[in-house]
């Protein structure tokens, strides 16, 4: 799974979004990916995914990307809660991690809101983790 650094503009986000959708319809991936659809229009507005399973530690990384017009409206919290619940209860994962650029304040707030804890810092990145409760 690719990690996005600082928040992107509309053009870069649209291009990445289309690339992710195409790649995951053309190839068999070893990670799990869901398209996020608008409740009002049923149009695709983002993607959320879990990386390849780290079977030694029974964990996966999580990542989410929403089109700019759907950011900041609380949808990411609802979607993340659903996928975290699925990951812990249905996939029986013990831990989920995420890597967030230190300048991506919205994602940092999302991780904090969802109960992720900081595991360590890298130059420009913060590694967060959440264990099954």
Protein backbone atom coordinates (compact mmCIF):
# COMPACT_ATOMS: atom_id res chain seq x y z
CA UNK A 1 0.00 0.00 0.00
CA UNK A 2 1.32 3.44 -0.84
CA UNK A 3 1.39 6.07 1.84
CA UNK A 4 0.42 9.59 0.97
CA UNK A 5 2.55 12.30 2.52
CA UNK A 6 1.22 15.83 2.88
CA UNK A 7 -2.37 16.55 1.77
CA UNK A 8 -2.72 16.52 -2.00
CA UNK A 9 -4.61 18.85 -4.28
CA UNK A 10 -7.58 17.79 -6.39
CA UNK A 11 -5.62 16.95 -9.58
CA UNK A 12 -3.06 14.74 -7.86
CA UNK A 13 -5.74 13.05 -5.74
CA UNK A 14 -7.95 12.33 -8.77
CA UNK A 15 -5.01 10.83 -10.67
CA UNK A 16 -3.97 8.61 -7.75
CA UNK A 17 -7.55 7.52 -7.09
CA UNK A 18 -8.07 6.44 -10.72
CA UNK A 19 -4.73 4.61 -10.72
CA UNK A 20 -5.58 2.67 -7.55
CA UNK A 21 -8.99 1.64 -8.87
CA UNK A 22 -7.52 0.52 -12.22
CA UNK A 23 -4.68 -1.42 -10.61
CA UNK A 24 -7.04 -3.27 -8.31
CA UNK A 25 -9.41 -4.25 -11.07
CA UNK A 26 -6.58 -5.40 -13.35
CA UNK A 27 -4.52 -7.39 -10.82
CA UNK A 28 -5.04 -9.80 -7.97
CA UNK A 29 -3.79 -8.01 -4.89
CA UNK A 30 -2.64 -9.55 -1.63
CA UNK A 31 -4.21 -6.76 0.35
CA UNK A 32 -7.83 -5.78 0.90
CA UNK A 33 -9.25 -2.70 -0.79
CA UNK A 34 -12.71 -1.17 -0.71
CA UNK A 35 -14.12 1.65 -2.81
CA UNK A 36 -15.91 4.27 -0.72
CA UNK A 37 -19.19 5.47 -2.22
CA UNK A 38 -21.22 8.55 -1.42
CA UNK A 39 -24.45 7.73 0.43
CA UNK A 40 -26.26 10.43 -1.53
CA UNK A 41 -25.03 9.79 -5.08
CA UNK A 42 -23.49 6.29 -5.00
CA UNK A 43 -20.46 7.76 -6.83
CA UNK A 44 -16.96 6.63 -5.85
CA UNK A 45 -15.38 9.15 -3.48
CA UNK A 46 -12.40 7.29 -2.04
CA UNK A 47 -10.65 4.08 -1.18
CA UNK A 48 -9.67 2.37 2.05
CA UNK A 49 -7.43 -0.63 2.35
CA UNK A 50 -5.60 -3.06 4.57
CA UNK A 51 -2.09 -4.11 3.55
CA UNK A 52 -0.74 -7.60 3.14
CA UNK A 53 -0.95 -9.61 6.33
CA UNK A 54 2.15 -9.63 8.54
CA UNK A 55 1.51 -13.17 9.77
CA UNK A 56 4.40 -13.10 12.25
CA UNK A 57 2.66 -10.34 14.18
CA UNK A 58 -0.94 -10.87 12.99
CA UNK A 59 -1.26 -7.26 11.87
CA UNK A 60 -1.94 -5.14 8.80
CA UNK A 61 -1.49 -1.48 7.89
CA UNK A 62 -4.52 0.64 7.09
CA UNK A 63 -4.77 3.52 4.65
CA UNK A 64 -7.57 5.77 3.43
CA UNK A 65 -7.90 8.32 0.66
CA UNK A 66 -10.93 10.52 0.01
CA UNK A 67 -11.45 12.94 -2.84
CA UNK A 68 -10.95 16.53 -1.61
CA UNK A 69 -14.66 17.38 -1.94
CA UNK A 70 -15.49 14.64 0.61
CA UNK A 71 -12.79 15.44 3.17
CA UNK A 72 -13.50 17.15 6.48
CA UNK A 73 -17.11 15.96 6.73
CA UNK A 74 -16.70 13.13 9.25
CA UNK A 75 -17.05 10.32 6.75
CA UNK A 76 -13.53 9.03 7.33
CA UNK A 77 -14.33 8.31 11.00
CA UNK A 78 -17.41 6.26 10.10
CA UNK A 79 -15.57 4.33 7.40
CA UNK A 80 -12.49 3.68 9.53
CA UNK A 81 -14.59 2.43 12.46
CA UNK A 82 -16.34 -0.03 10.13
CA UNK A 83 -13.09 -1.38 8.66
CA UNK A 84 -11.33 -1.52 12.06
CA UNK A 85 -14.25 -3.49 13.48
CA UNK A 86 -14.11 -5.88 10.51
CA UNK A 87 -10.33 -6.25 10.83
CA UNK A 88 -10.35 -7.05 14.53
CA UNK A 89 -13.53 -9.14 14.73
CA UNK A 90 -13.81 -10.88 11.36
CA UNK A 91 -10.13 -11.12 10.39
CA UNK A 92 -9.02 -11.67 14.01
CA UNK A 93 -6.14 -9.22 13.70
CA UNK A 94 -4.28 -8.34 16.86
CA UNK A 95 -2.96 -4.97 15.68
CA UNK A 96 -3.39 -2.38 12.95
CA UNK A 97 -0.80 0.25 12.13
CA UNK A 98 -0.74 3.38 10.02
CA UNK A 99 2.04 5.66 8.87
CA UNK A 100 1.15 9.37 8.69
CA UNK A 101 3.23 12.30 7.47
CA UNK A 102 3.83 14.71 10.36
CA UNK A 103 2.31 17.60 8.35
CA UNK A 104 -0.94 15.76 7.64
CA UNK A 105 -2.81 17.17 10.62
CA UNK A 106 -6.25 15.87 9.56
CA UNK A 107 -4.99 12.27 9.46
CA UNK A 108 -3.20 12.69 12.79
CA UNK A 109 -6.46 13.89 14.36
CA UNK A 110 -8.30 10.97 12.77
CA UNK A 111 -5.79 8.48 14.22
CA UNK A 112 -6.10 10.06 17.67
CA UNK A 113 -9.91 10.06 17.48
CA UNK A 114 -9.89 6.36 16.61
CA UNK A 115 -7.64 5.46 19.54
CA UNK A 116 -4.37 4.87 17.68
CA UNK A 117 -1.23 5.39 19.78
CA UNK A 118 2.14 6.62 18.57
CA UNK A 119 4.62 3.78 18.30
CA UNK A 120 7.57 5.79 17.01
CA UNK A 121 8.73 8.75 14.97
CA UNK A 122 10.75 8.81 11.78
CA UNK A 123 12.13 11.87 10.00
CA UNK A 124 8.87 13.06 8.45
CA UNK A 125 6.56 10.26 9.53
CA UNK A 126 4.79 9.06 12.63
CA UNK A 127 4.00 5.36 13.00
CA UNK A 128 0.73 4.74 14.85
CA UNK A 129 -0.75 1.48 16.15
CA UNK A 130 -4.04 0.22 17.53
CA UNK A 131 -4.43 -3.11 19.26
CA UNK A 132 -7.57 -5.20 19.59
CA UNK A 133 -9.50 -4.20 22.69
